[in-house]
Amino acid sequence: DSNSSNLNDLSNLYCAMFLSCHSAQGAYGNDSESNFVKAIVAKGARSAIGFDDKVNCQKVTSFVNEFFAFYANPEHVGNMNILARQAFFEALENTEVLYGSDYKPYFWNGSVYEKFD
């Protein structure tokens, strides 16, 4: 309900995924720099995923497909906050061949960040 929504409280959001260029801008240089990923977690989301640089649509689509395939597996039902981080790593592992300078996914949950170097 848009009338009762409070955009300053996103605590019911388990994982936001930003599939756009520079959505995690600065994640690989200055970890204190603000970006979409950190901003949405600051608003209460449990975790967020974004990309530090330009993205290639085919590579990002592969990453997203792997991410949600992990969620769809009945064996992976459990704590949603932990599951997002596990799905992130699973997607990274399964799309390893696609890594390059235009493919830098970044995971943040407010205290733990993960990035591909």
N, C-alpha and C. Protein backbone atom coordinates (compact mmCIF):
# COMPACT_ATOMS: atom_id res chain seq x y z
N ASP A 1 0.85 -1.18 0.00
CA ASP A 1 0.00 0.00 0.00
C ASP A 1 0.89 1.24 0.00
N SER A 2 0.83 2.02 -1.05
CA SER A 2 1.72 3.17 -1.17
C SER A 2 1.40 4.26 -0.16
N ASN A 3 0.17 4.29 0.36
CA ASN A 3 -0.20 5.31 1.33
C ASN A 3 0.43 5.05 2.70
N SER A 4 0.68 3.80 3.02
CA SER A 4 1.24 3.47 4.32
C SER A 4 2.73 3.15 4.27
N SER A 5 3.29 3.18 3.08
CA SER A 5 4.71 2.85 2.94
C SER A 5 5.57 3.97 3.52
N ASN A 6 6.64 3.57 4.15
CA ASN A 6 7.60 4.53 4.67
C ASN A 6 8.93 4.21 4.03
N LEU A 7 9.36 5.06 3.12
CA LEU A 7 10.61 4.81 2.39
C LEU A 7 11.84 4.92 3.26
N ASN A 8 11.67 5.36 4.50
CA ASN A 8 12.80 5.41 5.42
C ASN A 8 12.92 4.14 6.25
N ASP A 9 11.99 3.21 6.09
CA ASP A 9 12.04 1.95 6.81
C ASP A 9 11.87 0.81 5.82
N LEU A 10 12.97 0.24 5.40
CA LEU A 10 12.95 -0.86 4.44
C LEU A 10 13.34 -2.18 5.12
N SER A 11 13.02 -2.30 6.40
CA SER A 11 13.44 -3.47 7.18
C SER A 11 12.80 -4.77 6.71
N ASN A 12 11.75 -4.71 5.91
CA ASN A 12 11.14 -5.93 5.38
C ASN A 12 11.77 -6.37 4.07
N LEU A 13 12.75 -5.64 3.60
CA LEU A 13 13.44 -5.97 2.35
C LEU A 13 14.68 -6.79 2.67
N TYR A 14 14.70 -8.04 2.21
CA TYR A 14 15.82 -8.92 2.52
C TYR A 14 17.05 -8.62 1.68
N CYS A 15 16.87 -8.37 0.40
CA CYS A 15 18.02 -8.11 -0.45
C CYS A 15 17.59 -7.27 -1.65
N ALA A 16 18.19 -6.10 -1.78
CA ALA A 16 17.96 -5.26 -2.96
C ALA A 16 19.07 -5.56 -3.97
N MET A 17 18.70 -5.65 -5.22
CA MET A 17 19.69 -5.93 -6.25
C MET A 17 19.64 -4.81 -7.28
N PHE A 18 20.74 -4.07 -7.39
CA PHE A 18 20.85 -2.99 -8.36
C PHE A 18 21.65 -3.50 -9.55
N LEU A 19 21.00 -3.60 -10.68
CA LEU A 19 21.63 -4.19 -11.86
C LEU A 19 22.06 -3.11 -12.84
N SER A 20 22.52 -2.01 -12.31
CA SER A 20 22.89 -0.89 -13.16
C SER A 20 24.37 -0.54 -12.98
N CYS A 21 24.88 0.16 -13.95
CA CYS A 21 26.27 0.63 -13.88
C CYS A 21 26.45 1.52 -12.66
N HIS A 22 27.55 1.36 -11.99
CA HIS A 22 27.99 2.23 -10.90
C HIS A 22 27.05 2.25 -9.69
N SER A 23 26.20 1.24 -9.52
CA SER A 23 25.29 1.22 -8.38
C SER A 23 26.03 1.02 -7.06
N ALA A 24 27.24 0.49 -7.11
CA ALA A 24 28.08 0.35 -5.92
C ALA A 24 29.36 1.17 -6.12
N GLN A 25 29.22 2.32 -6.76
CA GLN A 25 30.35 3.20 -7.08
C GLN A 25 31.23 3.41 -5.85
N GLY A 26 32.51 3.25 -6.02
CA GLY A 26 33.46 3.49 -4.93
C GLY A 26 33.73 2.29 -4.06
N ALA A 27 33.01 1.21 -4.28
CA ALA A 27 33.16 0.03 -3.43
C ALA A 27 34.56 -0.57 -3.51
N TYR A 28 35.25 -0.31 -4.59
CA TYR A 28 36.57 -0.90 -4.78
C TYR A 28 37.69 0.07 -4.49
N GLY A 29 37.34 1.29 -4.14
CA GLY A 29 38.38 2.26 -3.84
C GLY A 29 38.27 2.74 -2.41
N ASN A 30 37.22 3.47 -2.14
CA ASN A 30 37.01 4.07 -0.83
C ASN A 30 35.75 3.46 -0.23
N ASP A 31 35.92 2.55 0.70
CA ASP A 31 34.77 1.85 1.27
C ASP A 31 33.82 2.76 2.04
N SER A 32 34.23 3.98 2.35
CA SER A 32 33.33 4.89 3.06
C SER A 32 32.46 5.68 2.10
N GLU A 33 32.72 5.60 0.80
CA GLU A 33 31.94 6.35 -0.19
C GLU A 33 30.50 5.84 -0.21
N SER A 34 29.56 6.77 -0.32
CA SER A 34 28.16 6.41 -0.37
C SER A 34 27.78 5.97 -1.78
N ASN A 35 26.86 5.03 -1.87
CA ASN A 35 26.36 4.55 -3.15
C ASN A 35 24.97 3.95 -2.91
N PHE A 36 24.29 3.51 -3.97
CA PHE A 36 22.95 2.95 -3.83
C PHE A 36 22.92 1.76 -2.88
N VAL A 37 23.90 0.91 -2.98
CA VAL A 37 23.95 -0.31 -2.17
C VAL A 37 24.00 0.04 -0.68
N LYS A 38 24.89 0.93 -0.32
CA LYS A 38 25.01 1.31 1.09
C LYS A 38 23.81 2.13 1.56
N ALA A 39 23.28 2.98 0.67
CA ALA A 39 22.14 3.82 1.05
C ALA A 39 20.90 3.00 1.37
N ILE A 40 20.63 1.96 0.60
CA ILE A 40 19.43 1.16 0.83
C ILE A 40 19.55 0.34 2.11
N VAL A 41 20.77 -0.11 2.42
CA VAL A 41 20.99 -0.82 3.69
C VAL A 41 20.85 0.15 4.85
N ALA A 42 21.31 1.38 4.68
CA ALA A 42 21.15 2.39 5.73
C ALA A 42 19.67 2.69 6.00
N LYS A 43 18.81 2.47 5.01
CA LYS A 43 17.37 2.68 5.18
C LYS A 43 16.68 1.45 5.76
N GLY A 44 17.43 0.40 6.05
CA GLY A 44 16.87 -0.75 6.73
C GLY A 44 16.88 -2.07 5.98
N ALA A 45 17.18 -2.05 4.67
CA ALA A 45 17.25 -3.31 3.94
C ALA A 45 18.30 -4.21 4.58
N ARG A 46 18.07 -5.50 4.58
CA ARG A 46 19.00 -6.42 5.23
C ARG A 46 20.31 -6.56 4.47
N SER A 47 20.25 -6.47 3.13
CA SER A 47 21.46 -6.56 2.31
C SER A 47 21.17 -5.99 0.94
N ALA A 48 22.24 -5.75 0.18
CA ALA A 48 22.08 -5.23 -1.17
C ALA A 48 23.26 -5.67 -2.02
N ILE A 49 23.02 -5.75 -3.32
CA ILE A 49 24.03 -6.12 -4.29
C ILE A 49 24.04 -5.07 -5.39
N GLY A 50 25.22 -4.69 -5.80
CA GLY A 50 25.34 -3.73 -6.89
C GLY A 50 26.65 -3.96 -7.62
N PHE A 51 26.94 -3.08 -8.55
CA PHE A 51 28.14 -3.20 -9.37
C PHE A 51 28.92 -1.90 -9.33
N ASP A 52 30.23 -2.00 -9.22
CA ASP A 52 31.10 -0.84 -9.04
C ASP A 52 31.34 -0.08 -10.33
N ASP A 53 31.31 -0.75 -11.44
CA ASP A 53 31.71 -0.13 -12.70
C ASP A 53 30.58 -0.30 -13.71
N LYS A 54 30.88 -0.16 -14.97
CA LYS A 54 29.91 -0.43 -16.02
C LYS A 54 29.56 -1.91 -15.99
N VAL A 55 28.36 -2.24 -16.44
CA VAL A 55 27.96 -3.64 -16.48
C VAL A 55 27.65 -4.07 -17.90
N ASN A 56 27.87 -5.33 -18.15
CA ASN A 56 27.53 -5.96 -19.42
C ASN A 56 26.23 -6.71 -19.17
N CYS A 57 25.20 -6.42 -19.95
CA CYS A 57 23.88 -7.01 -19.70
C CYS A 57 23.88 -8.53 -19.70
N GLN A 58 24.61 -9.15 -20.61
CA GLN A 58 24.66 -10.61 -20.65
C GLN A 58 25.32 -11.18 -19.40
N LYS A 59 26.39 -10.55 -18.95
CA LYS A 59 27.08 -11.03 -17.76
C LYS A 59 26.22 -10.86 -16.51
N VAL A 60 25.58 -9.71 -16.40
CA VAL A 60 24.72 -9.45 -15.25
C VAL A 60 23.52 -10.39 -15.25
N THR A 61 22.97 -10.65 -16.41
CA THR A 61 21.84 -11.59 -16.51
C THR A 61 22.26 -12.97 -16.04
N SER A 62 23.43 -13.41 -16.42
CA SER A 62 23.93 -14.71 -15.96
C SER A 62 24.09 -14.72 -14.45
N PHE A 63 24.63 -13.65 -13.90
CA PHE A 63 24.80 -13.55 -12.45
C PHE A 63 23.44 -13.64 -11.75
N VAL A 64 22.47 -12.88 -12.24
CA VAL A 64 21.13 -12.86 -11.63
C VAL A 64 20.46 -14.23 -11.74
N ASN A 65 20.58 -14.87 -12.89
CA ASN A 65 20.00 -16.21 -13.05
C ASN A 65 20.58 -17.19 -12.04
N GLU A 66 21.88 -17.15 -11.84
CA GLU A 66 22.52 -18.03 -10.86
C GLU A 66 22.09 -17.68 -9.44
N PHE A 67 21.99 -16.40 -9.16
CA PHE A 67 21.58 -15.93 -7.83
C PHE A 67 20.20 -16.49 -7.48
N PHE A 68 19.24 -16.32 -8.39
CA PHE A 68 17.88 -16.78 -8.10
C PHE A 68 17.72 -18.29 -8.24
N ALA A 69 18.55 -18.93 -9.01
CA ALA A 69 18.53 -20.39 -9.06
C ALA A 69 18.89 -20.96 -7.69
N PHE A 70 19.81 -20.31 -7.00
CA PHE A 70 20.18 -20.74 -5.66
C PHE A 70 18.97 -20.62 -4.72
N TYR A 71 18.27 -19.49 -4.79
CA TYR A 71 17.06 -19.30 -3.97
C TYR A 71 15.98 -20.32 -4.30
N ALA A 72 15.84 -20.67 -5.58
CA ALA A 72 14.76 -21.57 -6.00
C ALA A 72 14.98 -23.01 -5.57
N ASN A 73 16.21 -23.35 -5.22
CA ASN A 73 16.51 -24.71 -4.80
C ASN A 73 15.92 -24.96 -3.41
N PRO A 74 15.00 -25.93 -3.28
CA PRO A 74 14.35 -26.20 -1.98
C PRO A 74 15.34 -26.55 -0.87
N GLU A 75 16.52 -27.02 -1.22
CA GLU A 75 17.51 -27.37 -0.20
C GLU A 75 18.09 -26.14 0.49
N HIS A 76 17.90 -24.95 -0.09
CA HIS A 76 18.51 -23.75 0.45
C HIS A 76 17.56 -22.88 1.26
N VAL A 77 16.43 -23.43 1.64
CA VAL A 77 15.48 -22.68 2.45
C VAL A 77 16.09 -22.48 3.84
N GLY A 78 16.01 -21.28 4.34
CA GLY A 78 16.57 -20.99 5.66
C GLY A 78 16.53 -19.51 5.95
N ASN A 79 17.47 -19.04 6.74
CA ASN A 79 17.56 -17.64 7.11
C ASN A 79 17.78 -16.80 5.87
N MET A 80 16.81 -15.94 5.54
CA MET A 80 16.87 -15.16 4.30
C MET A 80 18.07 -14.22 4.26
N ASN A 81 18.47 -13.67 5.39
CA ASN A 81 19.60 -12.75 5.41
C ASN A 81 20.90 -13.48 5.08
N ILE A 82 21.08 -14.65 5.63
CA ILE A 82 22.26 -15.46 5.33
C ILE A 82 22.17 -16.00 3.91
N LEU A 83 20.98 -16.35 3.48
CA LEU A 83 20.77 -16.91 2.17
C LEU A 83 21.20 -15.96 1.06
N ALA A 84 20.97 -14.66 1.23
CA ALA A 84 21.38 -13.69 0.21
C ALA A 84 22.89 -13.72 0.02
N ARG A 85 23.63 -13.79 1.11
CA ARG A 85 25.09 -13.84 1.02
C ARG A 85 25.55 -15.15 0.38
N GLN A 86 24.92 -16.25 0.74
CA GLN A 86 25.26 -17.54 0.13
C GLN A 86 24.95 -17.55 -1.36
N ALA A 87 23.80 -16.99 -1.73
CA ALA A 87 23.42 -16.93 -3.14
C ALA A 87 24.39 -16.05 -3.92
N PHE A 88 24.86 -14.97 -3.28
CA PHE A 88 25.84 -14.09 -3.91
C PHE A 88 27.10 -14.87 -4.27
N PHE A 89 27.62 -15.63 -3.30
CA PHE A 89 28.84 -16.40 -3.54
C PHE A 89 28.62 -17.51 -4.57
N GLU A 90 27.47 -18.14 -4.51
CA GLU A 90 27.16 -19.18 -5.48
C GLU A 90 27.12 -18.60 -6.89
N ALA A 91 26.49 -17.45 -7.04
CA ALA A 91 26.42 -16.80 -8.35
C ALA A 91 27.81 -16.39 -8.83
N LEU A 92 28.65 -15.90 -7.93
CA LEU A 92 30.02 -15.55 -8.30
C LEU A 92 30.77 -16.77 -8.81
N GLU A 93 30.66 -17.84 -8.05
CA GLU A 93 31.38 -19.07 -8.42
C GLU A 93 30.91 -19.61 -9.77
N ASN A 94 29.61 -19.59 -9.99
CA ASN A 94 29.07 -20.18 -11.21
C ASN A 94 29.22 -19.28 -12.44
N THR A 95 29.57 -18.03 -12.24
CA THR A 95 29.76 -17.12 -13.38
C THR A 95 31.22 -16.67 -13.46
N GLU A 96 32.09 -17.41 -12.83
CA GLU A 96 33.51 -17.06 -12.76
C GLU A 96 34.13 -16.77 -14.13
N VAL A 97 33.74 -17.51 -15.13
CA VAL A 97 34.32 -17.34 -16.46
C VAL A 97 33.99 -15.97 -17.04
N LEU A 98 32.99 -15.30 -16.51
CA LEU A 98 32.56 -14.01 -17.04
C LEU A 98 33.29 -12.82 -16.40
N TYR A 99 34.08 -13.06 -15.38
CA TYR A 99 34.72 -11.95 -14.67
C TYR A 99 35.57 -11.12 -15.60
N GLY A 100 35.56 -9.85 -15.39
CA GLY A 100 36.37 -8.93 -16.17
C GLY A 100 36.25 -7.54 -15.57
N SER A 101 36.87 -6.59 -16.20
CA SER A 101 36.88 -5.24 -15.65
C SER A 101 35.49 -4.60 -15.61
N ASP A 102 34.56 -5.11 -16.43
CA ASP A 102 33.22 -4.55 -16.42
C ASP A 102 32.24 -5.39 -15.60
N TYR A 103 32.75 -6.25 -14.74
CA TYR A 103 31.91 -7.16 -13.98
C TYR A 103 32.43 -7.25 -12.56
N LYS A 104 32.00 -6.34 -11.71
CA LYS A 104 32.48 -6.32 -10.34
C LYS A 104 31.29 -6.26 -9.37
N PRO A 105 30.69 -7.41 -9.07
CA PRO A 105 29.58 -7.41 -8.12
C PRO A 105 30.07 -7.12 -6.71
N TYR A 106 29.20 -6.54 -5.89
CA TYR A 106 29.53 -6.11 -4.54
C TYR A 106 28.34 -6.41 -3.64
N PHE A 107 28.58 -7.03 -2.50
CA PHE A 107 27.54 -7.37 -1.53
C PHE A 107 27.77 -6.58 -0.26
N TRP A 108 26.71 -6.02 0.32
CA TRP A 108 26.83 -5.26 1.57
C TRP A 108 25.62 -5.55 2.44
N ASN A 109 25.84 -5.79 3.73
CA ASN A 109 24.73 -5.97 4.65
C ASN A 109 24.84 -5.08 5.88
N GLY A 110 25.62 -4.04 5.79
CA GLY A 110 25.74 -3.09 6.89
C GLY A 110 26.97 -3.31 7.73
N SER A 111 27.47 -4.54 7.76
CA SER A 111 28.68 -4.79 8.53
C SER A 111 29.66 -5.68 7.78
N VAL A 112 29.18 -6.44 6.83
CA VAL A 112 30.04 -7.33 6.07
C VAL A 112 29.91 -6.98 4.60
N TYR A 113 31.01 -6.70 3.97
CA TYR A 113 30.96 -6.49 2.52
C TYR A 113 31.81 -7.54 1.85
N GLU A 114 31.43 -7.88 0.68
CA GLU A 114 32.16 -8.86 -0.11
C GLU A 114 32.34 -8.25 -1.48
N LYS A 115 33.53 -8.37 -2.00
CA LYS A 115 33.74 -7.87 -3.34
C LYS A 115 34.71 -8.77 -4.08
N PHE A 116 34.57 -8.76 -5.36
CA PHE A 116 35.42 -9.58 -6.20
C PHE A 116 36.64 -8.78 -6.60
N ASP A 117 37.84 -9.28 -6.30
CA ASP A 117 39.08 -8.58 -6.67
C ASP A 117 39.77 -9.32 -7.79
